[in-house]
Amino acid sequence: QSAFGVRTAPNLSLTEVGQARHADGHQHAEIVTEDALYPGLLIIAFAGIAVVWGRPRWLVLAIAAIAAVAGLLSFGPSWGPPHADNPSLPYAWLYDHVTLVRSMRVPARLGGLVDLMLVLMAALGMQASWHFVGARFRHESRTLAGLALTLLLSGFVLADLWTGPVPLEGVDRAPVTMSGAVWLASQPPRPVMEFPAESVFADPAAASVRRHSGEALLRSTIHWLPMVNGNSGFIPRAYSDFIERFVGELPRRDGSTPGPLSHLDARSVRLLQQLGVRYAVFNLDQYADDDWPAVQDELDSLVEGGDLELGGIHGNQQIYT
């Protein structure tokens, strides 16, 4: 893989979008790599043999054509980042004119079709190679030779595609961390919304937002109540617009304005009431120390006005009903 320049690296699009430091002080890096395709040296070698000696020729050419078209489209709308004045590619035109193409999550998914076509071509290449090699063995030893070559090639594939250790990051599941979810499990079953509520489209710390959403969904497996927050490969714009209604300017106690903050006020709490949301869960550790007092002041005002009631403080979570 090193010879082909394949290495573990962040996806360019993910390092340019959503990598800012979150208000909680953390910076969660994306580790997804979607812009590299390495089907394996053996597949490449036998696919090359198929191009020259594979039979039937019409099938080889058809598979090669599909692989070439899918490979070109998998590069996306431009040869490299579009903001660097790189040349446009056919995917850009298709995206503008073909509805089906706009429904695809990312063009890199077409790399899977390239993989499939290369495997099919490699099979034809192996067939052509066996016709050449097998003819040199006597009939009685051909089966044994075929078995030996199969085991040898299988071992080579496993060694070639060995991924090594996969990085894992632990999730805090201590009793104090899960205490809020445990409390919710004992309450009447009504919808829950967790704060800060942030959009992966609008928030510059999108990587952190996705992680926080995942942690919220993990905790929800304790109480199994409906959640307003969520995450998906396809996030409807309406959902993002809804989440943004809980984000806005909120002055600190000293009069300074740090920027948009996820909070509840008289307007947004009525929206939750209209939707039938019963529980508002605030994760204190996801707010900056200088920002939280302003959010708390708004909550105290809503409690005094009778719009909210403090359900309790459970670990780093403050829950209102």
C-alpha atoms as a PDB file:
ATOM      1  CA  GLN A   1       0.000   0.000   0.000  1.00  0.00           C
ATOM      2  CA  SER A   2       2.871   2.356   0.698  1.00  0.00           C
ATOM      3  CA  ALA A   3       4.118   1.902  -2.868  1.00  0.00           C
ATOM      4  CA  PHE A   4       0.748   3.145  -4.161  1.00  0.00           C
ATOM      5  CA  GLY A   5       0.695   6.075  -1.748  1.00  0.00           C
ATOM      6  CA  VAL A   6      -2.175   4.667   0.314  1.00  0.00           C
ATOM      7  CA  ARG A   7      -1.994   5.702   3.938  1.00  0.00           C
ATOM      8  CA  THR A   8      -4.286   6.419   6.841  1.00  0.00           C
ATOM      9  CA  ALA A   9      -5.291  10.063   6.651  1.00  0.00           C
ATOM     10  CA  PRO A  10      -8.246  12.326   7.366  1.00  0.00           C
ATOM     11  CA  ASN A  11     -10.692  12.922   4.550  1.00  0.00           C
ATOM     12  CA  LEU A  12      -9.937  16.325   3.019  1.00  0.00           C
ATOM     13  CA  SER A  13     -13.575  17.420   3.114  1.00  0.00           C
ATOM     14  CA  LEU A  14     -13.831  16.487   6.787  1.00  0.00           C
ATOM     15  CA  THR A  15     -10.665  18.312   7.784  1.00  0.00           C
ATOM     16  CA  GLU A  16     -11.896  21.527   6.205  1.00  0.00           C
ATOM     17  CA  VAL A  17     -15.437  21.430   7.610  1.00  0.00           C
ATOM     18  CA  GLY A  18     -16.504  20.950  11.202  1.00  0.00           C
ATOM     19  CA  GLN A  19     -13.092  20.580  12.837  1.00  0.00           C
ATOM     20  CA  ALA A  20     -13.201  23.696  15.041  1.00  0.00           C
ATOM     21  CA  ARG A  21     -12.774  23.369  18.774  1.00  0.00           C
ATOM     22  CA  HIS A  22     -16.126  22.905  20.511  1.00  0.00           C
ATOM     23  CA  ALA A  23     -17.374  25.218  23.245  1.00  0.00           C
ATOM     24  CA  ASP A  24     -16.685  22.416  25.722  1.00  0.00           C
ATOM     25  CA  GLY A  25     -12.979  22.715  24.906  1.00  0.00           C
ATOM     26  CA  HIS A  26     -12.724  19.442  23.016  1.00  0.00           C
ATOM     27  CA  GLN A  27     -11.765  18.880  19.409  1.00  0.00           C
ATOM     28  CA  HIS A  28     -12.942  15.536  18.069  1.00  0.00           C
ATOM     29  CA  ALA A  29     -11.162  14.636  14.831  1.00  0.00           C
ATOM     30  CA  GLU A  30     -12.847  12.623  12.121  1.00  0.00           C
ATOM     31  CA  ILE A  31     -10.923   9.467  11.199  1.00  0.00           C
ATOM     32  CA  VAL A  32     -12.942   8.497   8.126  1.00  0.00           C
ATOM     33  CA  THR A  33     -10.972   8.053   4.910  1.00  0.00           C
ATOM     34  CA  GLU A  34     -13.138   7.933   1.793  1.00  0.00           C
ATOM     35  CA  ASP A  35     -10.851   9.396  -0.857  1.00  0.00           C
ATOM     36  CA  ALA A  36      -8.495   6.391  -1.209  1.00  0.00           C
ATOM     37  CA  LEU A  37      -9.226   3.144  -3.030  1.00  0.00           C
ATOM     38  CA  TYR A  38      -6.911   0.171  -2.651  1.00  0.00           C
ATOM     39  CA  PRO A  39      -8.517  -3.105  -3.787  1.00  0.00           C
ATOM     40  CA  GLY A  40      -5.340  -5.107  -3.218  1.00  0.00           C
ATOM     41  CA  LEU A  41      -2.194  -5.834  -5.206  1.00  0.00           C
ATOM     42  CA  LEU A  42      -3.386  -9.312  -6.225  1.00  0.00           C
ATOM     43  CA  ILE A  43      -6.665  -7.949  -7.599  1.00  0.00           C
ATOM     44  CA  ILE A  44      -4.810  -5.276  -9.557  1.00  0.00           C
ATOM     45  CA  ALA A  45      -2.357  -7.817 -10.995  1.00  0.00           C
ATOM     46  CA  PHE A  46      -4.970 -10.340 -12.150  1.00  0.00           C
ATOM     47  CA  ALA A  47      -7.239  -7.565 -13.459  1.00  0.00           C
ATOM     48  CA  GLY A  48      -4.285  -6.426 -15.576  1.00  0.00           C
ATOM     49  CA  ILE A  49      -3.848  -9.965 -16.875  1.00  0.00           C
ATOM     50  CA  ALA A  50      -7.545 -10.036 -17.789  1.00  0.00           C
ATOM     51  CA  VAL A  51      -7.165  -6.873 -19.850  1.00  0.00           C
ATOM     52  CA  VAL A  52      -4.563  -8.640 -22.027  1.00  0.00           C
ATOM     53  CA  TRP A  53      -5.569 -12.311 -22.001  1.00  0.00           C
ATOM     54  CA  GLY A  54      -9.031 -12.485 -20.380  1.00  0.00           C
ATOM     55  CA  ARG A  55     -11.856 -14.242 -22.208  1.00  0.00           C
ATOM     56  CA  PRO A  56     -14.548 -13.650 -23.395  1.00  0.00           C
ATOM     57  CA  ARG A  57     -13.310 -10.298 -24.650  1.00  0.00           C
ATOM     58  CA  TRP A  58     -16.720  -8.621 -24.728  1.00  0.00           C
ATOM     59  CA  LEU A  59     -17.188  -9.338 -21.031  1.00  0.00           C
ATOM     60  CA  VAL A  60     -13.729  -8.053 -20.121  1.00  0.00           C
ATOM     61  CA  LEU A  61     -14.303  -4.835 -22.060  1.00  0.00           C
ATOM     62  CA  ALA A  62     -17.773  -4.330 -20.556  1.00  0.00           C
ATOM     63  CA  ILE A  63     -16.486  -4.767 -17.002  1.00  0.00           C
ATOM     64  CA  ALA A  64     -13.532  -2.485 -17.686  1.00  0.00           C
ATOM     65  CA  ALA A  65     -15.837   0.211 -19.078  1.00  0.00           C
ATOM     66  CA  ILE A  66     -18.094   0.090 -15.998  1.00  0.00           C
ATOM     67  CA  ALA A  67     -15.054   0.313 -13.724  1.00  0.00           C
ATOM     68  CA  ALA A  68     -13.661   3.294 -15.649  1.00  0.00           C
ATOM     69  CA  VAL A  69     -16.949   5.230 -15.593  1.00  0.00           C
ATOM     70  CA  ALA A  70     -17.605   4.487 -11.908  1.00  0.00           C
ATOM     71  CA  GLY A  71     -14.036   5.408 -11.042  1.00  0.00           C
ATOM     72  CA  LEU A  72     -14.268   8.744 -12.829  1.00  0.00           C
ATOM     73  CA  LEU A  73     -17.581   9.606 -11.162  1.00  0.00           C
ATOM     74  CA  SER A  74     -16.269   8.571  -7.730  1.00  0.00           C
ATOM     75  CA  PHE A  75     -13.820  11.500  -7.829  1.00  0.00           C
ATOM     76  CA  GLY A  76     -16.789  13.840  -7.417  1.00  0.00           C
ATOM     77  CA  PRO A  77     -17.457  17.207  -9.049  1.00  0.00           C
ATOM     78  CA  SER A  78     -13.827  18.277  -9.523  1.00  0.00           C
ATOM     79  CA  TRP A  79     -10.295  16.970  -9.665  1.00  0.00           C
ATOM     80  CA  GLY A  80      -9.427  17.951  -6.122  1.00  0.00           C
ATOM     81  CA  PRO A  81     -11.070  20.570  -3.896  1.00  0.00           C
ATOM     82  CA  PRO A  82     -13.410  22.766  -5.975  1.00  0.00           C
ATOM     83  CA  HIS A  83     -12.226  25.969  -4.301  1.00  0.00           C
ATOM     84  CA  ALA A  84      -8.696  25.441  -5.678  1.00  0.00           C
ATOM     85  CA  ASP A  85      -9.796  26.096  -9.294  1.00  0.00           C
ATOM     86  CA  ASN A  86      -9.372  22.433 -10.203  1.00  0.00           C
ATOM     87  CA  PRO A  87     -10.947  21.161 -13.438  1.00  0.00           C
ATOM     88  CA  SER A  88     -14.590  20.103 -13.308  1.00  0.00           C
ATOM     89  CA  LEU A  89     -15.516  16.437 -13.787  1.00  0.00           C
ATOM     90  CA  PRO A  90     -18.651  14.755 -15.265  1.00  0.00           C
ATOM     91  CA  TYR A  91     -20.159  14.195 -11.820  1.00  0.00           C
ATOM     92  CA  ALA A  92     -20.739  17.962 -11.515  1.00  0.00           C
ATOM     93  CA  TRP A  93     -22.934  18.022 -14.630  1.00  0.00           C
ATOM     94  CA  LEU A  94     -24.823  14.882 -13.571  1.00  0.00           C
ATOM     95  CA  TYR A  95     -25.430  16.338 -10.108  1.00  0.00           C
ATOM     96  CA  ASP A  96     -27.029  19.426 -11.646  1.00  0.00           C
ATOM     97  CA  HIS A  97     -29.226  17.546 -14.127  1.00  0.00           C
ATOM     98  CA  VAL A  98     -29.962  14.037 -12.769  1.00  0.00           C
ATOM     99  CA  THR A  99     -32.128  13.694  -9.662  1.00  0.00           C
ATOM    100  CA  LEU A 100     -30.871  10.188  -8.865  1.00  0.00           C
ATOM    101  CA  VAL A 101     -27.295  11.433  -8.608  1.00  0.00           C
ATOM    102  CA  ARG A 102     -28.325  14.127  -6.110  1.00  0.00           C
ATOM    103  CA  SER A 103     -29.786  11.369  -3.915  1.00  0.00           C
ATOM    104  CA  MET A 104     -26.396   9.725  -3.484  1.00  0.00           C
ATOM    105  CA  ARG A 105     -24.777  10.456  -0.124  1.00  0.00           C
ATOM    106  CA  VAL A 106     -21.224  10.873  -1.445  1.00  0.00           C
ATOM    107  CA  PRO A 107     -19.698  10.085  -4.865  1.00  0.00           C
ATOM    108  CA  ALA A 108     -16.920   8.076  -3.189  1.00  0.00           C
ATOM    109  CA  ARG A 109     -19.495   5.302  -2.692  1.00  0.00           C
ATOM    110  CA  LEU A 110     -19.034   4.500  -6.388  1.00  0.00           C
ATOM    111  CA  GLY A 111     -15.621   3.216  -5.390  1.00  0.00           C
ATOM    112  CA  GLY A 112     -17.449   0.118  -4.181  1.00  0.00           C
ATOM    113  CA  LEU A 113     -18.653  -0.507  -7.730  1.00  0.00           C
ATOM    114  CA  VAL A 114     -15.084  -0.082  -8.963  1.00  0.00           C
ATOM    115  CA  ASP A 115     -13.975  -2.687  -6.415  1.00  0.00           C
ATOM    116  CA  LEU A 116     -16.647  -5.106  -7.615  1.00  0.00           C
ATOM    117  CA  MET A 117     -15.682  -4.688 -11.261  1.00  0.00           C
ATOM    118  CA  LEU A 118     -11.987  -5.174 -10.467  1.00  0.00           C
ATOM    119  CA  VAL A 119     -12.767  -8.375  -8.575  1.00  0.00           C
ATOM    120  CA  LEU A 120     -14.755  -9.676 -11.559  1.00  0.00           C
ATOM    121  CA  MET A 121     -11.913  -8.817 -13.907  1.00  0.00           C
ATOM    122  CA  ALA A 122      -9.424 -10.445 -11.538  1.00  0.00           C
ATOM    123  CA  ALA A 123     -11.518 -13.625 -11.649  1.00  0.00           C
ATOM    124  CA  LEU A 124     -11.268 -13.645 -15.429  1.00  0.00           C
ATOM    125  CA  GLY A 125      -7.534 -12.968 -15.141  1.00  0.00           C
ATOM    126  CA  MET A 126      -7.121 -15.898 -12.742  1.00  0.00           C
ATOM    127  CA  GLN A 127      -9.066 -18.098 -15.133  1.00  0.00           C
ATOM    128  CA  ALA A 128      -6.731 -17.135 -17.991  1.00  0.00           C
ATOM    129  CA  SER A 129      -3.682 -17.704 -15.781  1.00  0.00           C
ATOM    130  CA  TRP A 130      -4.878 -21.143 -14.697  1.00  0.00           C
ATOM    131  CA  HIS A 131      -5.465 -22.192 -18.289  1.00  0.00           C
ATOM    132  CA  PHE A 132      -1.829 -21.289 -18.946  1.00  0.00           C
ATOM    133  CA  VAL A 133      -0.325 -22.715 -15.737  1.00  0.00           C
ATOM    134  CA  GLY A 134      -2.622 -25.710 -15.316  1.00  0.00           C
ATOM    135  CA  ALA A 135      -1.742 -27.068 -18.724  1.00  0.00           C
ATOM    136  CA  ARG A 136       1.807 -27.637 -17.448  1.00  0.00           C
ATOM    137  CA  PHE A 137       0.710 -30.082 -14.751  1.00  0.00           C
ATOM    138  CA  ARG A 138      -0.213 -33.696 -15.314  1.00  0.00           C
ATOM    139  CA  HIS A 139      -3.895 -34.422 -14.920  1.00  0.00           C
ATOM    140  CA  GLU A 140      -3.474 -36.352 -11.671  1.00  0.00           C
ATOM    141  CA  SER A 141      -1.496 -33.549  -9.985  1.00  0.00           C
ATOM    142  CA  ARG A 142      -3.563 -30.641 -11.283  1.00  0.00           C
ATOM    143  CA  THR A 143      -6.041 -30.741  -8.373  1.00  0.00           C
ATOM    144  CA  LEU A 144      -3.260 -30.713  -5.786  1.00  0.00           C
ATOM    145  CA  ALA A 145      -1.506 -27.840  -7.587  1.00  0.00           C
ATOM    146  CA  GLY A 146      -4.751 -25.865  -7.749  1.00  0.00           C
ATOM    147  CA  LEU A 147      -5.338 -26.341  -4.016  1.00  0.00           C
ATOM    148  CA  ALA A 148      -1.787 -25.262  -3.178  1.00  0.00           C
ATOM    149  CA  LEU A 149      -2.031 -22.149  -5.349  1.00  0.00           C
ATOM    150  CA  THR A 150      -5.406 -21.273  -3.803  1.00  0.00           C
ATOM    151  CA  LEU A 151      -3.965 -21.442  -0.279  1.00  0.00           C
ATOM    152  CA  LEU A 152      -0.897 -19.455  -1.349  1.00  0.00           C
ATOM    153  CA  LEU A 153      -2.944 -16.701  -2.986  1.00  0.00           C
ATOM    154  CA  SER A 154      -5.391 -16.578  -0.059  1.00  0.00           C
ATOM    155  CA  GLY A 155      -2.500 -16.040   2.332  1.00  0.00           C
ATOM    156  CA  PHE A 156      -1.142 -13.294   0.117  1.00  0.00           C
ATOM    157  CA  VAL A 157      -4.516 -11.529   0.039  1.00  0.00           C
ATOM    158  CA  LEU A 158      -4.818 -11.641   3.841  1.00  0.00           C
ATOM    159  CA  ALA A 159      -1.312 -10.236   4.248  1.00  0.00           C
ATOM    160  CA  ASP A 160      -1.811  -7.576   1.571  1.00  0.00           C
ATOM    161  CA  LEU A 161      -5.101  -6.301   3.025  1.00  0.00           C
ATOM    162  CA  TRP A 162      -4.125  -6.529   6.683  1.00  0.00           C
ATOM    163  CA  THR A 163      -5.377  -3.342   8.330  1.00  0.00           C
ATOM    164  CA  GLY A 164      -3.462  -3.528  11.593  1.00  0.00           C
ATOM    165  CA  PRO A 165      -4.823  -2.222  14.888  1.00  0.00           C
ATOM    166  CA  VAL A 166      -8.050  -0.231  14.577  1.00  0.00           C
ATOM    167  CA  PRO A 167      -8.121   2.871  16.803  1.00  0.00           C
ATOM    168  CA  LEU A 168     -10.960   2.841  19.309  1.00  0.00           C
ATOM    169  CA  GLU A 169     -11.994   5.550  21.711  1.00  0.00           C
ATOM    170  CA  GLY A 170     -13.683   4.721  24.973  1.00  0.00           C
ATOM    171  CA  VAL A 171     -17.082   6.079  25.944  1.00  0.00           C
ATOM    172  CA  ASP A 172     -17.708   7.136  29.523  1.00  0.00           C
ATOM    173  CA  ARG A 173     -20.388   4.809  30.916  1.00  0.00           C
ATOM    174  CA  ALA A 174     -19.762   5.442  34.591  1.00  0.00           C
ATOM    175  CA  PRO A 175     -22.873   5.372  36.826  1.00  0.00           C
ATOM    176  CA  VAL A 176     -22.665   9.124  37.408  1.00  0.00           C
ATOM    177  CA  THR A 177     -22.582   9.745  33.640  1.00  0.00           C
ATOM    178  CA  MET A 178     -25.626   7.556  33.052  1.00  0.00           C
ATOM    179  CA  SER A 179     -27.557   8.738  36.126  1.00  0.00           C
ATOM    180  CA  GLY A 180     -29.639  11.211  34.116  1.00  0.00           C
ATOM    181  CA  ALA A 181     -30.740   8.493  31.716  1.00  0.00           C
ATOM    182  CA  VAL A 182     -31.543   6.212  34.640  1.00  0.00           C
ATOM    183  CA  TRP A 183     -33.742   8.944  36.143  1.00  0.00           C
ATOM    184  CA  LEU A 184     -35.535   9.442  32.814  1.00  0.00           C
ATOM    185  CA  ALA A 185     -36.210   5.708  32.668  1.00  0.00           C
ATOM    186  CA  SER A 186     -38.270   6.063  35.854  1.00  0.00           C
ATOM    187  CA  GLN A 187     -40.379   8.933  34.504  1.00  0.00           C
ATOM    188  CA  PRO A 188     -43.550   8.940  32.360  1.00  0.00           C
ATOM    189  CA  PRO A 189     -42.613   8.070  28.748  1.00  0.00           C
ATOM    190  CA  ARG A 190     -42.496  11.380  26.899  1.00  0.00           C
ATOM    191  CA  PRO A 191     -40.072  12.842  24.319  1.00  0.00           C
ATOM    192  CA  VAL A 192     -36.618  14.126  25.308  1.00  0.00           C
ATOM    193  CA  MET A 193     -34.425  16.854  23.857  1.00  0.00           C
ATOM    194  CA  GLU A 194     -30.779  17.251  24.854  1.00  0.00           C
ATOM    195  CA  PHE A 195     -28.824  20.499  24.940  1.00  0.00           C
ATOM    196  CA  PRO A 196     -26.710  21.975  23.565  1.00  0.00           C
ATOM    197  CA  ALA A 197     -28.783  21.319  20.454  1.00  0.00           C
ATOM    198  CA  GLU A 198     -26.466  21.950  17.526  1.00  0.00           C
ATOM    199  CA  SER A 199     -26.588  21.459  13.776  1.00  0.00           C
ATOM    200  CA  VAL A 200     -23.880  19.565  11.896  1.00  0.00           C
ATOM    201  CA  PHE A 201     -24.581  21.888   8.955  1.00  0.00           C
ATOM    202  CA  ALA A 202     -24.238  25.194  10.761  1.00  0.00           C
ATOM    203  CA  ASP A 203     -21.880  24.467  13.648  1.00  0.00           C
ATOM    204  CA  PRO A 204     -18.158  24.885  12.912  1.00  0.00           C
ATOM    205  CA  ALA A 205     -17.460  22.085  15.414  1.00  0.00           C
ATOM    206  CA  ALA A 206     -19.563  19.546  13.473  1.00  0.00           C
ATOM    207  CA  ALA A 207     -17.293  16.621  14.354  1.00  0.00           C
ATOM    208  CA  SER A 208     -17.892  17.272  18.047  1.00  0.00           C
ATOM    209  CA  VAL A 209     -21.628  17.709  17.440  1.00  0.00           C
ATOM    210  CA  ARG A 210     -21.820  14.271  15.813  1.00  0.00           C
ATOM    211  CA  ARG A 211     -19.994  12.742  18.756  1.00  0.00           C
ATOM    212  CA  HIS A 212     -22.292  14.411  21.271  1.00  0.00           C
ATOM    213  CA  SER A 213     -25.328  13.191  19.322  1.00  0.00           C
ATOM    214  CA  GLY A 214     -23.923   9.675  19.392  1.00  0.00           C
ATOM    215  CA  GLU A 215     -23.371   9.846  23.142  1.00  0.00           C
ATOM    216  CA  ALA A 216     -26.959  11.073  23.631  1.00  0.00           C
ATOM    217  CA  LEU A 217     -28.302   8.208  21.534  1.00  0.00           C
ATOM    218  CA  LEU A 218     -26.189   5.735  23.509  1.00  0.00           C
ATOM    219  CA  ARG A 219     -27.654   7.037  26.781  1.00  0.00           C
ATOM    220  CA  SER A 220     -31.128   6.781  25.290  1.00  0.00           C
ATOM    221  CA  THR A 221     -30.768   2.987  25.241  1.00  0.00           C
ATOM    222  CA  ILE A 222     -31.231   3.148  29.018  1.00  0.00           C
ATOM    223  CA  HIS A 223     -34.537   5.042  29.021  1.00  0.00           C
ATOM    224  CA  TRP A 224     -35.747   4.283  25.449  1.00  0.00           C
ATOM    225  CA  LEU A 225     -37.721   7.533  25.258  1.00  0.00           C
ATOM    226  CA  PRO A 226     -38.266   9.316  21.924  1.00  0.00           C
ATOM    227  CA  MET A 227     -35.390  11.685  21.145  1.00  0.00           C
ATOM    228  CA  VAL A 228     -35.559  14.976  19.260  1.00  0.00           C
ATOM    229  CA  ASN A 229     -31.794  14.910  18.684  1.00  0.00           C
ATOM    230  CA  GLY A 230     -30.358  12.548  16.111  1.00  0.00           C
ATOM    231  CA  ASN A 231     -27.755  11.899  13.464  1.00  0.00           C
ATOM    232  CA  SER A 232     -27.772  10.297  10.026  1.00  0.00           C
ATOM    233  CA  GLY A 233     -25.969  10.151   6.720  1.00  0.00           C
ATOM    234  CA  PHE A 234     -28.944  12.020   5.268  1.00  0.00           C
ATOM    235  CA  ILE A 235     -29.946  14.886   7.578  1.00  0.00           C
ATOM    236  CA  PRO A 236     -33.065  16.736   6.379  1.00  0.00           C
ATOM    237  CA  ARG A 237     -32.563  20.466   6.063  1.00  0.00           C
ATOM    238  CA  ALA A 238     -35.821  20.933   8.005  1.00  0.00           C
ATOM    239  CA  TYR A 239     -34.239  19.172  10.998  1.00  0.00           C
ATOM    240  CA  SER A 240     -31.207  21.440  10.892  1.00  0.00           C
ATOM    241  CA  ASP A 241     -33.431  24.515  10.624  1.00  0.00           C
ATOM    242  CA  PHE A 242     -35.432  23.289  13.623  1.00  0.00           C
ATOM    243  CA  ILE A 243     -32.306  22.758  15.721  1.00  0.00           C
ATOM    244  CA  GLU A 244     -31.072  26.227  14.809  1.00  0.00           C
ATOM    245  CA  ARG A 245     -34.188  27.726  16.398  1.00  0.00           C
ATOM    246  CA  PHE A 246     -32.624  26.848  19.763  1.00  0.00           C
ATOM    247  CA  VAL A 247     -29.363  28.614  18.931  1.00  0.00           C
ATOM    248  CA  GLY A 248     -28.873  32.348  19.187  1.00  0.00           C
ATOM    249  CA  GLU A 249     -26.970  35.252  20.674  1.00  0.00           C
ATOM    250  CA  LEU A 250     -27.009  35.261  24.453  1.00  0.00           C
ATOM    251  CA  PRO A 251     -25.073  37.945  26.360  1.00  0.00           C
ATOM    252  CA  ARG A 252     -22.934  36.849  29.272  1.00  0.00           C
ATOM    253  CA  ARG A 253     -23.363  38.338  32.716  1.00  0.00           C
ATOM    254  CA  ASP A 254     -20.508  40.757  32.026  1.00  0.00           C
ATOM    255  CA  GLY A 255     -22.296  42.050  28.916  1.00  0.00           C
ATOM    256  CA  SER A 256     -20.021  40.367  26.360  1.00  0.00           C
ATOM    257  CA  THR A 257     -21.466  38.205  23.584  1.00  0.00           C
ATOM    258  CA  PRO A 258     -19.452  35.039  22.861  1.00  0.00           C
ATOM    259  CA  GLY A 259     -21.401  34.050  19.790  1.00  0.00           C
ATOM    260  CA  PRO A 260     -24.409  31.787  19.154  1.00  0.00           C
ATOM    261  CA  LEU A 261     -25.321  29.577  22.111  1.00  0.00           C
ATOM    262  CA  SER A 262     -27.769  26.693  22.334  1.00  0.00           C
ATOM    263  CA  HIS A 263     -30.296  27.624  25.024  1.00  0.00           C
ATOM    264  CA  LEU A 264     -33.961  27.827  25.924  1.00  0.00           C
ATOM    265  CA  ASP A 265     -35.915  31.055  26.124  1.00  0.00           C
ATOM    266  CA  ALA A 266     -39.595  31.970  26.284  1.00  0.00           C
ATOM    267  CA  ARG A 267     -40.024  31.550  22.531  1.00  0.00           C
ATOM    268  CA  SER A 268     -38.217  28.223  22.096  1.00  0.00           C
ATOM    269  CA  VAL A 269     -39.715  26.620  25.217  1.00  0.00           C
ATOM    270  CA  ARG A 270     -43.178  27.203  23.751  1.00  0.00           C
ATOM    271  CA  LEU A 271     -42.018  25.391  20.625  1.00  0.00           C
ATOM    272  CA  LEU A 272     -41.059  22.377  22.753  1.00  0.00           C
ATOM    273  CA  GLN A 273     -44.442  22.494  24.459  1.00  0.00           C
ATOM    274  CA  GLN A 274     -46.208  22.524  21.098  1.00  0.00           C
ATOM    275  CA  LEU A 275     -44.229  19.467  20.014  1.00  0.00           C
ATOM    276  CA  GLY A 276     -45.044  17.604  23.203  1.00  0.00           C
ATOM    277  CA  VAL A 277     -41.447  17.440  24.433  1.00  0.00           C
ATOM    278  CA  ARG A 278     -41.497  16.768  28.182  1.00  0.00           C
ATOM    279  CA  TYR A 279     -37.823  16.632  29.166  1.00  0.00           C
ATOM    280  CA  ALA A 280     -35.033  19.110  28.396  1.00  0.00           C
ATOM    281  CA  VAL A 281     -31.623  17.696  29.308  1.00  0.00           C
ATOM    282  CA  PHE A 282     -28.717  20.133  29.597  1.00  0.00           C
ATOM    283  CA  ASN A 283     -25.208  18.652  29.450  1.00  0.00           C
ATOM    284  CA  LEU A 284     -23.185  21.026  31.576  1.00  0.00           C
ATOM    285  CA  ASP A 285     -19.823  19.674  30.403  1.00  0.00           C
ATOM    286  CA  GLN A 286     -20.620  20.634  26.805  1.00  0.00           C
ATOM    287  CA  TYR A 287     -20.840  24.337  27.619  1.00  0.00           C
ATOM    288  CA  ALA A 288     -17.874  26.628  28.184  1.00  0.00           C
ATOM    289  CA  ASP A 289     -17.512  27.739  31.799  1.00  0.00           C
ATOM    290  CA  ASP A 290     -17.984  31.383  30.796  1.00  0.00           C
ATOM    291  CA  ASP A 291     -21.116  30.630  28.745  1.00  0.00           C
ATOM    292  CA  TRP A 292     -23.128  28.425  31.089  1.00  0.00           C
ATOM    293  CA  PRO A 293     -24.176  31.157  33.600  1.00  0.00           C
ATOM    294  CA  ALA A 294     -26.012  33.008  30.818  1.00  0.00           C
ATOM    295  CA  VAL A 295     -27.840  29.808  29.825  1.00  0.00           C
ATOM    296  CA  GLN A 296     -28.629  29.148  33.488  1.00  0.00           C
ATOM    297  CA  ASP A 297     -30.087  32.649  33.909  1.00  0.00           C
ATOM    298  CA  GLU A 298     -32.527  32.002  31.052  1.00  0.00           C
ATOM    299  CA  LEU A 299     -33.538  28.674  32.605  1.00  0.00           C
ATOM    300  CA  ASP A 300     -34.059  30.271  36.014  1.00  0.00           C
ATOM    301  CA  SER A 301     -36.282  32.882  34.397  1.00  0.00           C
ATOM    302  CA  LEU A 302     -38.382  30.171  32.745  1.00  0.00           C
ATOM    303  CA  VAL A 303     -38.701  28.307  36.046  1.00  0.00           C
ATOM    304  CA  GLU A 304     -39.852  31.483  37.780  1.00  0.00           C
ATOM    305  CA  GLY A 305     -42.404  32.047  35.019  1.00  0.00           C
ATOM    306  CA  GLY A 306     -43.804  28.539  35.418  1.00  0.00           C
ATOM    307  CA  ASP A 307     -42.711  27.342  31.959  1.00  0.00           C
ATOM    308  CA  LEU A 308     -40.154  24.877  33.340  1.00  0.00           C
ATOM    309  CA  GLU A 309     -39.584  22.852  36.472  1.00  0.00           C
ATOM    310  CA  LEU A 310     -36.225  21.498  37.580  1.00  0.00           C
ATOM    311  CA  GLY A 311     -36.393  17.721  37.546  1.00  0.00           C
ATOM    312  CA  GLY A 312     -32.996  17.289  39.134  1.00  0.00           C
ATOM    313  CA  ILE A 313     -29.236  17.453  38.686  1.00  0.00           C
ATOM    314  CA  HIS A 314     -27.747  14.094  37.750  1.00  0.00           C
ATOM    315  CA  GLY A 315     -23.996  14.068  37.285  1.00  0.00           C
ATOM    316  CA  ASN A 316     -23.180  16.562  34.545  1.00  0.00           C
ATOM    317  CA  GLN A 317     -26.803  16.777  33.438  1.00  0.00           C
ATOM    318  CA  GLN A 318     -29.443  19.237  34.559  1.00  0.00           C
ATOM    319  CA  ILE A 319     -32.916  18.018  33.599  1.00  0.00           C
ATOM    320  CA  TYR A 320     -36.015  20.191  33.298  1.00  0.00           C
ATOM    321  CA  THR A 321     -39.616  19.207  32.714  1.00  0.00           C
END
